[in-house]
Amino acid sequence: MKTELTQVEISGRPVQVQCTAAALSALRKRSQPLWVEMELYFSCLIRKRVLFHEGELSPAAHEARPGLSVSFRPVMTKHCNISDLEGKPPLEDFPIVSAAPYVPQWLTIDYKGGRWHGEFGYAH
């Protein structure tokens, strides 16, 4: 399977962005940009989530390739409530003084079954 590897810099840290062949094919068919947001959620526990935003961009997004931008957003909730983890608790930006240590090292983007899929991490 052919993949494409690019790199963006977020908060001074390089992030390797890998798109599968299926993702590249789906990106080429799009008329609007895709913004991929890596969300690191701090609460009672830490949760990683990749969000796909169709046709909109964030000022915090970095272009990985034409039509594809990525960003990193650490978020938190004011209160720890385990039942909120399945729903959509109200989030706010997590005020990290130095974000670089929290920025992921890699992001993988795929497209299968008519849906976008993503995963990010800190070591290979």
PDB file of N, CA and C in Angstrom:
ATOM      1  N   MET A   1       0.841  -1.174   0.000  1.00  0.00           N
ATOM      2  CA  MET A   1       0.000   0.000   0.000  1.00  0.00           C
ATOM      3  C   MET A   1       0.890   1.242   0.000  1.00  0.00           C
ATOM      4  N   LYS A   2       0.653   2.126  -0.950  1.00  0.00           N
ATOM      5  CA  LYS A   2       1.442   3.342  -1.046  1.00  0.00           C
ATOM      6  C   LYS A   2       0.929   4.378  -0.044  1.00  0.00           C
ATOM      7  N   THR A   3       1.836   4.960   0.686  1.00  0.00           N
ATOM      8  CA  THR A   3       1.476   6.010   1.631  1.00  0.00           C
ATOM      9  C   THR A   3       2.315   7.243   1.327  1.00  0.00           C
ATOM     10  N   GLU A   4       1.884   8.364   1.874  1.00  0.00           N
ATOM     11  CA  GLU A   4       2.635   9.611   1.721  1.00  0.00           C
ATOM     12  C   GLU A   4       2.976  10.123   3.109  1.00  0.00           C
ATOM     13  N   LEU A   5       4.225  10.482   3.294  1.00  0.00           N
ATOM     14  CA  LEU A   5       4.693  10.989   4.574  1.00  0.00           C
ATOM     15  C   LEU A   5       5.126  12.432   4.395  1.00  0.00           C
ATOM     16  N   THR A   6       4.564  13.321   5.203  1.00  0.00           N
ATOM     17  CA  THR A   6       4.964  14.721   5.215  1.00  0.00           C
ATOM     18  C   THR A   6       5.242  15.105   6.660  1.00  0.00           C
ATOM     19  N   GLN A   7       5.721  16.309   6.838  1.00  0.00           N
ATOM     20  CA  GLN A   7       6.030  16.775   8.186  1.00  0.00           C
ATOM     21  C   GLN A   7       5.533  18.199   8.358  1.00  0.00           C
ATOM     22  N   VAL A   8       4.947  18.482   9.506  1.00  0.00           N
ATOM     23  CA  VAL A   8       4.556  19.832   9.886  1.00  0.00           C
ATOM     24  C   VAL A   8       5.214  20.145  11.224  1.00  0.00           C
ATOM     25  N   GLU A   9       5.317  21.406  11.524  1.00  0.00           N
ATOM     26  CA  GLU A   9       5.868  21.813  12.812  1.00  0.00           C
ATOM     27  C   GLU A   9       4.762  22.468  13.625  1.00  0.00           C
ATOM     28  N   ILE A  10       4.546  21.946  14.817  1.00  0.00           N
ATOM     29  CA  ILE A  10       3.539  22.480  15.730  1.00  0.00           C
ATOM     30  C   ILE A  10       4.225  22.795  17.048  1.00  0.00           C
ATOM     31  N   SER A  11       4.139  24.044  17.465  1.00  0.00           N
ATOM     32  CA  SER A  11       4.777  24.515  18.709  1.00  0.00           C
ATOM     33  C   SER A  11       6.264  24.171  18.740  1.00  0.00           C
ATOM     34  N   GLY A  12       6.914  24.263  17.594  1.00  0.00           N
ATOM     35  CA  GLY A  12       8.352  24.019  17.524  1.00  0.00           C
ATOM     36  C   GLY A  12       8.742  22.556  17.473  1.00  0.00           C
ATOM     37  N   ARG A  13       7.766  21.666  17.366  1.00  0.00           N
ATOM     38  CA  ARG A  13       8.057  20.229  17.350  1.00  0.00           C
ATOM     39  C   ARG A  13       7.597  19.619  16.019  1.00  0.00           C
ATOM     40  N   PRO A  14       8.450  18.803  15.382  1.00  0.00           N
ATOM     41  CA  PRO A  14       8.039  18.180  14.121  1.00  0.00           C
ATOM     42  C   PRO A  14       7.028  17.060  14.353  1.00  0.00           C
ATOM     43  N   VAL A  15       6.025  17.003  13.490  1.00  0.00           N
ATOM     44  CA  VAL A  15       5.013  15.956  13.532  1.00  0.00           C
ATOM     45  C   VAL A  15       4.990  15.292  12.157  1.00  0.00           C
ATOM     46  N   GLN A  16       5.224  13.984  12.126  1.00  0.00           N
ATOM     47  CA  GLN A  16       5.168  13.221  10.880  1.00  0.00           C
ATOM     48  C   GLN A  16       3.701  12.889  10.586  1.00  0.00           C
ATOM     49  N   VAL A  17       3.249  13.262   9.381  1.00  0.00           N
ATOM     50  CA  VAL A  17       1.869  13.009   8.979  1.00  0.00           C
ATOM     51  C   VAL A  17       1.893  11.968   7.866  1.00  0.00           C
ATOM     52  N   GLN A  18       1.273  10.826   8.121  1.00  0.00           N
ATOM     53  CA  GLN A  18       1.239   9.753   7.133  1.00  0.00           C
ATOM     54  C   GLN A  18      -0.191   9.556   6.656  1.00  0.00           C
ATOM     55  N   CYS A  19      -0.369   9.612   5.339  1.00  0.00           N
ATOM     56  CA  CYS A  19      -1.673   9.364   4.724  1.00  0.00           C
ATOM     57  C   CYS A  19      -1.607   8.051   3.965  1.00  0.00           C
ATOM     58  N   THR A  20      -2.596   7.192   4.173  1.00  0.00           N
ATOM     59  CA  THR A  20      -2.656   5.946   3.428  1.00  0.00           C
ATOM     60  C   THR A  20      -3.061   6.251   1.986  1.00  0.00           C
ATOM     61  N   ALA A  21      -2.926   5.255   1.107  1.00  0.00           N
ATOM     62  CA  ALA A  21      -3.323   5.418  -0.286  1.00  0.00           C
ATOM     63  C   ALA A  21      -4.807   5.765  -0.387  1.00  0.00           C
ATOM     64  N   ALA A  22      -5.625   5.133   0.444  1.00  0.00           N
ATOM     65  CA  ALA A  22      -7.066   5.416   0.436  1.00  0.00           C
ATOM     66  C   ALA A  22      -7.343   6.854   0.861  1.00  0.00           C
ATOM     67  N   ALA A  23      -6.618   7.347   1.859  1.00  0.00           N
ATOM     68  CA  ALA A  23      -6.794   8.727   2.308  1.00  0.00           C
ATOM     69  C   ALA A  23      -6.372   9.703   1.216  1.00  0.00           C
ATOM     70  N   LEU A  24      -5.252   9.420   0.550  1.00  0.00           N
ATOM     71  CA  LEU A  24      -4.791  10.286  -0.534  1.00  0.00           C
ATOM     72  C   LEU A  24      -5.811  10.339  -1.663  1.00  0.00           C
ATOM     73  N   SER A  25      -6.378   9.202  -2.002  1.00  0.00           N
ATOM     74  CA  SER A  25      -7.393   9.144  -3.051  1.00  0.00           C
ATOM     75  C   SER A  25      -8.626   9.964  -2.663  1.00  0.00           C
ATOM     76  N   ALA A  26      -9.086   9.825  -1.418  1.00  0.00           N
ATOM     77  CA  ALA A  26     -10.253  10.579  -0.944  1.00  0.00           C
ATOM     78  C   ALA A  26      -9.952  12.073  -0.889  1.00  0.00           C
ATOM     79  N   LEU A  27      -8.737  12.446  -0.507  1.00  0.00           N
ATOM     80  CA  LEU A  27      -8.363  13.868  -0.470  1.00  0.00           C
ATOM     81  C   LEU A  27      -8.388  14.476  -1.868  1.00  0.00           C
ATOM     82  N   ARG A  28      -7.915  13.743  -2.859  1.00  0.00           N
ATOM     83  CA  ARG A  28      -7.894  14.248  -4.240  1.00  0.00           C
ATOM     84  C   ARG A  28      -9.297  14.492  -4.781  1.00  0.00           C
ATOM     85  N   LYS A  29     -10.283  13.754  -4.285  1.00  0.00           N
ATOM     86  CA  LYS A  29     -11.662  13.887  -4.755  1.00  0.00           C
ATOM     87  C   LYS A  29     -12.419  15.028  -4.081  1.00  0.00           C
ATOM     88  N   ARG A  30     -11.849  15.598  -3.043  1.00  0.00           N
ATOM     89  CA  ARG A  30     -12.525  16.641  -2.273  1.00  0.00           C
ATOM     90  C   ARG A  30     -12.441  17.999  -2.964  1.00  0.00           C
ATOM     91  N   SER A  31     -13.500  18.789  -2.826  1.00  0.00           N
ATOM     92  CA  SER A  31     -13.473  20.155  -3.335  1.00  0.00           C
ATOM     93  C   SER A  31     -13.189  21.157  -2.219  1.00  0.00           C
ATOM     94  N   GLN A  32     -13.291  20.705  -0.962  1.00  0.00           N
ATOM     95  CA  GLN A  32     -13.044  21.564   0.192  1.00  0.00           C
ATOM     96  C   GLN A  32     -11.905  20.978   1.024  1.00  0.00           C
ATOM     97  N   PRO A  33     -11.220  21.830   1.784  1.00  0.00           N
ATOM     98  CA  PRO A  33     -10.117  21.327   2.611  1.00  0.00           C
ATOM     99  C   PRO A  33     -10.612  20.462   3.766  1.00  0.00           C
ATOM    100  N   LEU A  34      -9.724  19.616   4.248  1.00  0.00           N
ATOM    101  CA  LEU A  34      -9.988  18.789   5.420  1.00  0.00           C
ATOM    102  C   LEU A  34      -9.045  19.232   6.527  1.00  0.00           C
ATOM    103  N   TRP A  35      -9.612  19.504   7.691  1.00  0.00           N
ATOM    104  CA  TRP A  35      -8.820  19.902   8.856  1.00  0.00           C
ATOM    105  C   TRP A  35      -8.889  18.753   9.856  1.00  0.00           C
ATOM    106  N   VAL A  36      -7.723  18.233  10.215  1.00  0.00           N
ATOM    107  CA  VAL A  36      -7.613  17.121  11.150  1.00  0.00           C
ATOM    108  C   VAL A  36      -7.065  17.667  12.466  1.00  0.00           C
ATOM    109  N   GLU A  37      -7.821  17.485  13.527  1.00  0.00           N
ATOM    110  CA  GLU A  37      -7.462  18.019  14.839  1.00  0.00           C
ATOM    111  C   GLU A  37      -7.090  16.880  15.781  1.00  0.00           C
ATOM    112  N   MET A  38      -5.875  16.921  16.300  1.00  0.00           N
ATOM    113  CA  MET A  38      -5.441  15.957  17.305  1.00  0.00           C
ATOM    114  C   MET A  38      -5.791  16.552  18.667  1.00  0.00           C
ATOM    115  N   GLU A  39      -6.677  15.894  19.382  1.00  0.00           N
ATOM    116  CA  GLU A  39      -7.141  16.414  20.662  1.00  0.00           C
ATOM    117  C   GLU A  39      -6.597  15.547  21.790  1.00  0.00           C
ATOM    118  N   LEU A  40      -5.950  16.182  22.743  1.00  0.00           N
ATOM    119  CA  LEU A  40      -5.468  15.506  23.941  1.00  0.00           C
ATOM    120  C   LEU A  40      -6.304  16.029  25.105  1.00  0.00           C
ATOM    121  N   TYR A  41      -7.089  15.127  25.696  1.00  0.00           N
ATOM    122  CA  TYR A  41      -8.091  15.480  26.689  1.00  0.00           C
ATOM    123  C   TYR A  41      -7.580  15.144  28.087  1.00  0.00           C
ATOM    124  N   PHE A  42      -7.481  16.160  28.924  1.00  0.00           N
ATOM    125  CA  PHE A  42      -7.056  15.989  30.313  1.00  0.00           C
ATOM    126  C   PHE A  42      -8.279  16.101  31.215  1.00  0.00           C
ATOM    127  N   SER A  43      -8.480  15.116  32.060  1.00  0.00           N
ATOM    128  CA  SER A  43      -9.550  15.139  33.046  1.00  0.00           C
ATOM    129  C   SER A  43      -9.141  14.169  34.136  1.00  0.00           C
ATOM    130  N   CYS A  44     -10.016  13.233  34.489  1.00  0.00           N
ATOM    131  CA  CYS A  44      -9.654  12.189  35.452  1.00  0.00           C
ATOM    132  C   CYS A  44      -8.607  11.278  34.826  1.00  0.00           C
ATOM    133  N   LEU A  45      -8.621  11.235  33.510  1.00  0.00           N
ATOM    134  CA  LEU A  45      -7.692  10.414  32.758  1.00  0.00           C
ATOM    135  C   LEU A  45      -7.307  11.187  31.509  1.00  0.00           C
ATOM    136  N   ILE A  46      -6.450  10.624  30.714  1.00  0.00           N
ATOM    137  CA  ILE A  46      -6.047  11.274  29.468  1.00  0.00           C
ATOM    138  C   ILE A  46      -6.622  10.470  28.314  1.00  0.00           C
ATOM    139  N   ARG A  47      -7.227  11.171  27.351  1.00  0.00           N
ATOM    140  CA  ARG A  47      -7.811  10.513  26.184  1.00  0.00           C
ATOM    141  C   ARG A  47      -7.274  11.197  24.923  1.00  0.00           C
ATOM    142  N   LYS A  48      -6.932  10.393  23.932  1.00  0.00           N
ATOM    143  CA  LYS A  48      -6.500  10.913  22.636  1.00  0.00           C
ATOM    144  C   LYS A  48      -7.657  10.724  21.663  1.00  0.00           C
ATOM    145  N   ARG A  49      -7.883  11.757  20.847  1.00  0.00           N
ATOM    146  CA  ARG A  49      -8.968  11.683  19.869  1.00  0.00           C
ATOM    147  C   ARG A  49      -8.553  12.452  18.620  1.00  0.00           C
ATOM    148  N   VAL A  50      -8.910  11.935  17.460  1.00  0.00           N
ATOM    149  CA  VAL A  50      -8.652  12.623  16.198  1.00  0.00           C
ATOM    150  C   VAL A  50     -10.002  13.043  15.633  1.00  0.00           C
ATOM    151  N   LEU A  51     -10.154  14.336  15.395  1.00  0.00           N
ATOM    152  CA  LEU A  51     -11.406  14.888  14.877  1.00  0.00           C
ATOM    153  C   LEU A  51     -11.187  15.359  13.445  1.00  0.00           C
ATOM    154  N   PHE A  52     -12.175  15.133  12.601  1.00  0.00           N
ATOM    155  CA  PHE A  52     -12.108  15.544  11.199  1.00  0.00           C
ATOM    156  C   PHE A  52     -13.167  16.612  10.959  1.00  0.00           C
ATOM    157  N   HIS A  53     -12.714  17.775  10.498  1.00  0.00           N
ATOM    158  CA  HIS A  53     -13.605  18.905  10.250  1.00  0.00           C
ATOM    159  C   HIS A  53     -13.689  19.124   8.740  1.00  0.00           C
ATOM    160  N   GLU A  54     -14.872  18.983   8.209  1.00  0.00           N
ATOM    161  CA  GLU A  54     -15.096  19.087   6.774  1.00  0.00           C
ATOM    162  C   GLU A  54     -15.272  20.550   6.357  1.00  0.00           C
ATOM    163  N   GLY A  55     -14.463  21.000   5.415  1.00  0.00           N
ATOM    164  CA  GLY A  55     -14.655  22.306   4.797  1.00  0.00           C
ATOM    165  C   GLY A  55     -14.383  23.516   5.653  1.00  0.00           C
ATOM    166  N   GLU A  56     -13.803  23.330   6.806  1.00  0.00           N
ATOM    167  CA  GLU A  56     -13.462  24.479   7.652  1.00  0.00           C
ATOM    168  C   GLU A  56     -12.012  24.344   8.085  1.00  0.00           C
ATOM    169  N   LEU A  57     -11.409  25.466   8.394  1.00  0.00           N
ATOM    170  CA  LEU A  57     -10.027  25.454   8.868  1.00  0.00           C
ATOM    171  C   LEU A  57      -9.930  26.266  10.138  1.00  0.00           C
ATOM    172  N   SER A  58      -8.959  25.937  10.943  1.00  0.00           N
ATOM    173  CA  SER A  58      -8.681  26.687  12.162  1.00  0.00           C
ATOM    174  C   SER A  58      -7.455  27.552  11.922  1.00  0.00           C
ATOM    175  N   PRO A  59      -7.405  28.719  12.541  1.00  0.00           N
ATOM    176  CA  PRO A  59      -6.187  29.526  12.439  1.00  0.00           C
ATOM    177  C   PRO A  59      -4.974  28.793  13.020  1.00  0.00           C
ATOM    178  N   ALA A  60      -5.219  27.797  13.878  1.00  0.00           N
ATOM    179  CA  ALA A  60      -4.131  27.034  14.490  1.00  0.00           C
ATOM    180  C   ALA A  60      -3.668  25.874  13.617  1.00  0.00           C
ATOM    181  N   ALA A  61      -4.343  25.653  12.488  1.00  0.00           N
ATOM    182  CA  ALA A  61      -4.017  24.513  11.628  1.00  0.00           C
ATOM    183  C   ALA A  61      -2.778  24.780  10.787  1.00  0.00           C
ATOM    184  N   HIS A  62      -2.030  23.728  10.518  1.00  0.00           N
ATOM    185  CA  HIS A  62      -0.804  23.781   9.714  1.00  0.00           C
ATOM    186  C   HIS A  62      -1.008  22.913   8.481  1.00  0.00           C
ATOM    187  N   GLU A  63      -0.708  23.454   7.310  1.00  0.00           N
ATOM    188  CA  GLU A  63      -0.908  22.700   6.074  1.00  0.00           C
ATOM    189  C   GLU A  63       0.114  21.572   5.966  1.00  0.00           C
ATOM    190  N   ALA A  64      -0.382  20.346   5.821  1.00  0.00           N
ATOM    191  CA  ALA A  64       0.481  19.177   5.656  1.00  0.00           C
ATOM    192  C   ALA A  64       0.682  18.878   4.172  1.00  0.00           C
ATOM    193  N   ARG A  65      -0.328  19.183   3.390  1.00  0.00           N
ATOM    194  CA  ARG A  65      -0.302  19.026   1.934  1.00  0.00           C
ATOM    195  C   ARG A  65      -1.492  19.820   1.415  1.00  0.00           C
ATOM    196  N   PRO A  66      -1.562  20.105   0.121  1.00  0.00           N
ATOM    197  CA  PRO A  66      -2.723  20.844  -0.384  1.00  0.00           C
ATOM    198  C   PRO A  66      -4.033  20.134  -0.024  1.00  0.00           C
ATOM    199  N   GLY A  67      -4.951  20.871   0.586  1.00  0.00           N
ATOM    200  CA  GLY A  67      -6.246  20.324   0.970  1.00  0.00           C
ATOM    201  C   GLY A  67      -6.280  19.608   2.302  1.00  0.00           C
ATOM    202  N   LEU A  68      -5.147  19.563   3.010  1.00  0.00           N
ATOM    203  CA  LEU A  68      -5.094  18.871   4.302  1.00  0.00           C
ATOM    204  C   LEU A  68      -4.298  19.699   5.300  1.00  0.00           C
ATOM    205  N   SER A  69      -4.957  20.068   6.385  1.00  0.00           N
ATOM    206  CA  SER A  69      -4.299  20.803   7.465  1.00  0.00           C
ATOM    207  C   SER A  69      -4.496  20.050   8.768  1.00  0.00           C
ATOM    208  N   VAL A  70      -3.525  20.181   9.675  1.00  0.00           N
ATOM    209  CA  VAL A  70      -3.594  19.490  10.961  1.00  0.00           C
ATOM    210  C   VAL A  70      -3.324  20.467  12.098  1.00  0.00           C
ATOM    211  N   SER A  71      -3.869  20.161  13.253  1.00  0.00           N
ATOM    212  CA  SER A  71      -3.620  20.970  14.444  1.00  0.00           C
ATOM    213  C   SER A  71      -3.614  20.072  15.672  1.00  0.00           C
ATOM    214  N   PHE A  72      -3.125  20.630  16.766  1.00  0.00           N
ATOM    215  CA  PHE A  72      -3.083  19.945  18.046  1.00  0.00           C
ATOM    216  C   PHE A  72      -3.776  20.828  19.069  1.00  0.00           C
ATOM    217  N   ARG A  73      -4.665  20.231  19.861  1.00  0.00           N
ATOM    218  CA  ARG A  73      -5.399  21.001  20.865  1.00  0.00           C
ATOM    219  C   ARG A  73      -5.495  20.224  22.169  1.00  0.00           C
ATOM    220  N   PRO A  74      -4.778  20.658  23.190  1.00  0.00           N
ATOM    221  CA  PRO A  74      -4.982  20.073  24.515  1.00  0.00           C
ATOM    222  C   PRO A  74      -6.219  20.722  25.149  1.00  0.00           C
ATOM    223  N   VAL A  75      -7.116  19.898  25.686  1.00  0.00           N
ATOM    224  CA  VAL A  75      -8.344  20.401  26.296  1.00  0.00           C
ATOM    225  C   VAL A  75      -8.541  19.768  27.663  1.00  0.00           C
ATOM    226  N   MET A  76      -9.433  20.371  28.437  1.00  0.00           N
ATOM    227  CA  MET A  76      -9.752  19.845  29.764  1.00  0.00           C
ATOM    228  C   MET A  76     -11.191  20.170  30.097  1.00  0.00           C
ATOM    229  N   THR A  77     -11.694  19.532  31.138  1.00  0.00           N
ATOM    230  CA  THR A  77     -12.997  19.874  31.690  1.00  0.00           C
ATOM    231  C   THR A  77     -12.753  20.475  33.074  1.00  0.00           C
ATOM    232  N   LYS A  78     -13.713  21.227  33.547  1.00  0.00           N
ATOM    233  CA  LYS A  78     -13.567  21.839  34.864  1.00  0.00           C
ATOM    234  C   LYS A  78     -13.759  20.823  35.989  1.00  0.00           C
ATOM    235  N   HIS A  79     -14.558  19.791  35.719  1.00  0.00           N
ATOM    236  CA  HIS A  79     -14.842  18.786  36.731  1.00  0.00           C
ATOM    237  C   HIS A  79     -14.616  17.403  36.151  1.00  0.00           C
ATOM    238  N   CYS A  80     -14.249  16.482  36.997  1.00  0.00           N
ATOM    239  CA  CYS A  80     -14.038  15.104  36.579  1.00  0.00           C
ATOM    240  C   CYS A  80     -15.324  14.319  36.808  1.00  0.00           C
ATOM    241  N   ASN A  81     -15.912  13.861  35.710  1.00  0.00           N
ATOM    242  CA  ASN A  81     -17.126  13.062  35.797  1.00  0.00           C
ATOM    243  C   ASN A  81     -17.005  11.942  34.767  1.00  0.00           C
ATOM    244  N   ILE A  82     -16.779  10.731  35.217  1.00  0.00           N
ATOM    245  CA  ILE A  82     -16.557   9.593  34.328  1.00  0.00           C
ATOM    246  C   ILE A  82     -17.698   9.430  33.332  1.00  0.00           C
ATOM    247  N   SER A  83     -18.933   9.716  33.720  1.00  0.00           N
ATOM    248  CA  SER A  83     -20.069   9.550  32.803  1.00  0.00           C
ATOM    249  C   SER A  83     -19.969  10.491  31.608  1.00  0.00           C
ATOM    250  N   ASP A  84     -19.246  11.597  31.722  1.00  0.00           N
ATOM    251  CA  ASP A  84     -19.073  12.541  30.617  1.00  0.00           C
ATOM    252  C   ASP A  84     -18.186  11.994  29.511  1.00  0.00           C
ATOM    253  N   LEU A  85     -17.389  10.985  29.802  1.00  0.00           N
ATOM    254  CA  LEU A  85     -16.423  10.498  28.828  1.00  0.00           C
ATOM    255  C   LEU A  85     -17.091   9.923  27.590  1.00  0.00           C
ATOM    256  N   GLU A  86     -18.284   9.362  27.710  1.00  0.00           N
ATOM    257  CA  GLU A  86     -18.992   8.803  26.564  1.00  0.00           C
ATOM    258  C   GLU A  86     -19.735   9.885  25.789  1.00  0.00           C
ATOM    259  N   GLY A  87     -20.106  10.947  26.434  1.00  0.00           N
ATOM    260  CA  GLY A  87     -20.836  12.024  25.774  1.00  0.00           C
ATOM    261  C   GLY A  87     -19.889  13.107  25.296  1.00  0.00           C
ATOM    262  N   LYS A  88     -20.394  14.300  25.259  1.00  0.00           N
ATOM    263  CA  LYS A  88     -19.588  15.441  24.832  1.00  0.00           C
ATOM    264  C   LYS A  88     -19.568  16.468  25.954  1.00  0.00           C
ATOM    265  N   PRO A  89     -18.653  16.311  26.899  1.00  0.00           N
ATOM    266  CA  PRO A  89     -18.595  17.266  27.995  1.00  0.00           C
ATOM    267  C   PRO A  89     -18.129  18.625  27.470  1.00  0.00           C
ATOM    268  N   PRO A  90     -18.516  19.701  28.162  1.00  0.00           N
ATOM    269  CA  PRO A  90     -18.048  21.012  27.740  1.00  0.00           C
ATOM    270  C   PRO A  90     -16.524  21.089  27.937  1.00  0.00           C
ATOM    271  N   LEU A  91     -15.827  21.426  26.874  1.00  0.00           N
ATOM    272  CA  LEU A  91     -14.371  21.477  26.911  1.00  0.00           C
ATOM    273  C   LEU A  91     -13.876  22.911  26.850  1.00  0.00           C
ATOM    274  N   GLU A  92     -12.705  23.107  27.383  1.00  0.00           N
ATOM    275  CA  GLU A  92     -12.020  24.390  27.232  1.00  0.00           C
ATOM    276  C   GLU A  92     -10.554  24.094  26.974  1.00  0.00           C
ATOM    277  N   ASP A  93      -9.884  25.053  26.345  1.00  0.00           N
ATOM    278  CA  ASP A  93      -8.467  24.862  26.070  1.00  0.00           C
ATOM    279  C   ASP A  93      -7.702  24.677  27.364  1.00  0.00           C
ATOM    280  N   PHE A  94      -6.729  23.785  27.342  1.00  0.00           N
ATOM    281  CA  PHE A  94      -5.888  23.523  28.501  1.00  0.00           C
ATOM    282  C   PHE A  94      -4.697  24.465  28.423  1.00  0.00           C
ATOM    283  N   PRO A  95      -4.515  25.317  29.407  1.00  0.00           N
ATOM    284  CA  PRO A  95      -3.459  26.337  29.341  1.00  0.00           C
ATOM    285  C   PRO A  95      -2.063  25.769  29.649  1.00  0.00           C
ATOM    286  N   ILE A  96      -1.438  25.180  28.650  1.00  0.00           N
ATOM    287  CA  ILE A  96      -0.096  24.630  28.816  1.00  0.00           C
ATOM    288  C   ILE A  96       0.918  25.711  28.485  1.00  0.00           C
ATOM    289  N   VAL A  97       1.829  25.985  29.396  1.00  0.00           N
ATOM    290  CA  VAL A  97       2.834  27.024  29.176  1.00  0.00           C
ATOM    291  C   VAL A  97       3.761  26.647  28.036  1.00  0.00           C
ATOM    292  N   SER A  98       4.250  25.418  28.040  1.00  0.00           N
ATOM    293  CA  SER A  98       5.115  24.925  26.978  1.00  0.00           C
ATOM    294  C   SER A  98       4.453  23.692  26.360  1.00  0.00           C
ATOM    295  N   ALA A  99       3.806  23.881  25.204  1.00  0.00           N
ATOM    296  CA  ALA A  99       3.041  22.795  24.584  1.00  0.00           C
ATOM    297  C   ALA A  99       3.923  21.758  23.904  1.00  0.00           C
ATOM    298  N   ALA A 100       5.138  22.109  23.531  1.00  0.00           N
ATOM    299  CA  ALA A 100       5.987  21.210  22.736  1.00  0.00           C
ATOM    300  C   ALA A 100       6.091  19.791  23.298  1.00  0.00           C
ATOM    301  N   PRO A 101       6.289  19.576  24.593  1.00  0.00           N
ATOM    302  CA  PRO A 101       6.399  18.200  25.084  1.00  0.00           C
ATOM    303  C   PRO A 101       5.123  17.367  24.904  1.00  0.00           C
ATOM    304  N   TYR A 102       3.982  18.027  24.711  1.00  0.00           N
ATOM    305  CA  TYR A 102       2.707  17.335  24.573  1.00  0.00           C
ATOM    306  C   TYR A 102       2.292  17.127  23.118  1.00  0.00           C
ATOM    307  N   VAL A 103       2.945  17.823  22.203  1.00  0.00           N
ATOM    308  CA  VAL A 103       2.621  17.696  20.784  1.00  0.00           C
ATOM    309  C   VAL A 103       3.022  16.299  20.312  1.00  0.00           C
ATOM    310  N   PRO A 104       2.117  15.600  19.638  1.00  0.00           N
ATOM    311  CA  PRO A 104       2.436  14.243  19.169  1.00  0.00           C
ATOM    312  C   PRO A 104       3.596  14.230  18.186  1.00  0.00           C
ATOM    313  N   GLN A 105       4.225  13.073  18.058  1.00  0.00           N
ATOM    314  CA  GLN A 105       5.325  12.911  17.114  1.00  0.00           C
ATOM    315  C   GLN A 105       4.828  12.449  15.755  1.00  0.00           C
ATOM    316  N   TRP A 106       3.660  11.795  15.722  1.00  0.00           N
ATOM    317  CA  TRP A 106       3.145  11.289  14.453  1.00  0.00           C
ATOM    318  C   TRP A 106       1.624  11.279  14.432  1.00  0.00           C
ATOM    319  N   LEU A 107       1.094  11.337  13.204  1.00  0.00           N
ATOM    320  CA  LEU A 107      -0.333  11.267  12.936  1.00  0.00           C
ATOM    321  C   LEU A 107      -0.520  10.406  11.693  1.00  0.00           C
ATOM    322  N   THR A 108      -1.416   9.424  11.755  1.00  0.00           N
ATOM    323  CA  THR A 108      -1.741   8.588  10.609  1.00  0.00           C
ATOM    324  C   THR A 108      -3.196   8.833  10.238  1.00  0.00           C
ATOM    325  N   ILE A 109      -3.440   9.046   8.945  1.00  0.00           N
ATOM    326  CA  ILE A 109      -4.789   9.328   8.444  1.00  0.00           C
ATOM    327  C   ILE A 109      -5.155   8.260   7.417  1.00  0.00           C
ATOM    328  N   ASP A 110      -6.361   7.712   7.571  1.00  0.00           N
ATOM    329  CA  ASP A 110      -6.844   6.691   6.650  1.00  0.00           C
ATOM    330  C   ASP A 110      -8.286   7.025   6.282  1.00  0.00           C
ATOM    331  N   TYR A 111      -8.760   6.405   5.218  1.00  0.00           N
ATOM    332  CA  TYR A 111     -10.150   6.562   4.781  1.00  0.00           C
ATOM    333  C   TYR A 111     -10.660   5.189   4.387  1.00  0.00           C
ATOM    334  N   LYS A 112     -11.634   4.687   5.133  1.00  0.00           N
ATOM    335  CA  LYS A 112     -12.203   3.374   4.800  1.00  0.00           C
ATOM    336  C   LYS A 112     -13.669   3.333   5.201  1.00  0.00           C
ATOM    337  N   GLY A 113     -14.408   2.583   4.433  1.00  0.00           N
ATOM    338  CA  GLY A 113     -15.835   2.484   4.707  1.00  0.00           C
ATOM    339  C   GLY A 113     -16.557   3.814   4.608  1.00  0.00           C
ATOM    340  N   GLY A 114     -16.027   4.734   3.806  1.00  0.00           N
ATOM    341  CA  GLY A 114     -16.661   6.041   3.642  1.00  0.00           C
ATOM    342  C   GLY A 114     -16.452   6.995   4.797  1.00  0.00           C
ATOM    343  N   ARG A 115     -15.486   6.673   5.693  1.00  0.00           N
ATOM    344  CA  ARG A 115     -15.230   7.523   6.870  1.00  0.00           C
ATOM    345  C   ARG A 115     -13.745   7.754   7.058  1.00  0.00           C
ATOM    346  N   TRP A 116     -13.419   8.901   7.614  1.00  0.00           N
ATOM    347  CA  TRP A 116     -12.037   9.224   7.957  1.00  0.00           C
ATOM    348  C   TRP A 116     -11.679   8.561   9.286  1.00  0.00           C
ATOM    349  N   HIS A 117     -10.439   8.107   9.382  1.00  0.00           N
ATOM    350  CA  HIS A 117      -9.922   7.495  10.606  1.00  0.00           C
ATOM    351  C   HIS A 117      -8.541   8.080  10.868  1.00  0.00           C
ATOM    352  N   GLY A 118      -8.235   8.293  12.121  1.00  0.00           N
ATOM    353  CA  GLY A 118      -6.921   8.828  12.467  1.00  0.00           C
ATOM    354  C   GLY A 118      -6.431   8.312  13.802  1.00  0.00           C
ATOM    355  N   GLU A 119      -5.136   8.372  13.937  1.00  0.00           N
ATOM    356  CA  GLU A 119      -4.486   7.961  15.181  1.00  0.00           C
ATOM    357  C   GLU A 119      -3.224   8.792  15.318  1.00  0.00           C
ATOM    358  N   PHE A 120      -2.893   9.179  16.550  1.00  0.00           N
ATOM    359  CA  PHE A 120      -1.621   9.879  16.771  1.00  0.00           C
ATOM    360  C   PHE A 120      -0.922   9.297  17.981  1.00  0.00           C
ATOM    361  N   GLY A 121       0.367   9.566  18.067  1.00  0.00           N
ATOM    362  CA  GLY A 121       1.131   9.011  19.171  1.00  0.00           C
ATOM    363  C   GLY A 121       2.447   9.738  19.390  1.00  0.00           C
ATOM    364  N   TYR A 122       3.214   9.184  20.328  1.00  0.00           N
ATOM    365  CA  TYR A 122       4.409   9.864  20.795  1.00  0.00           C
ATOM    366  C   TYR A 122       5.709   9.112  20.546  1.00  0.00           C
ATOM    367  N   ALA A 123       5.648   7.874  20.123  1.00  0.00           N
ATOM    368  CA  ALA A 123       6.874   7.122  19.802  1.00  0.00           C
ATOM    369  C   ALA A 123       6.502   6.058  18.794  1.00  0.00           C
ATOM    370  N   HIS A 124       7.450   5.682  17.963  1.00  0.00           N
ATOM    371  CA  HIS A 124       7.184   4.613  16.983  1.00  0.00           C
ATOM    372  C   HIS A 124       7.711   3.304  17.513  1.00  0.00           C
TER     373      HIS A 124
END
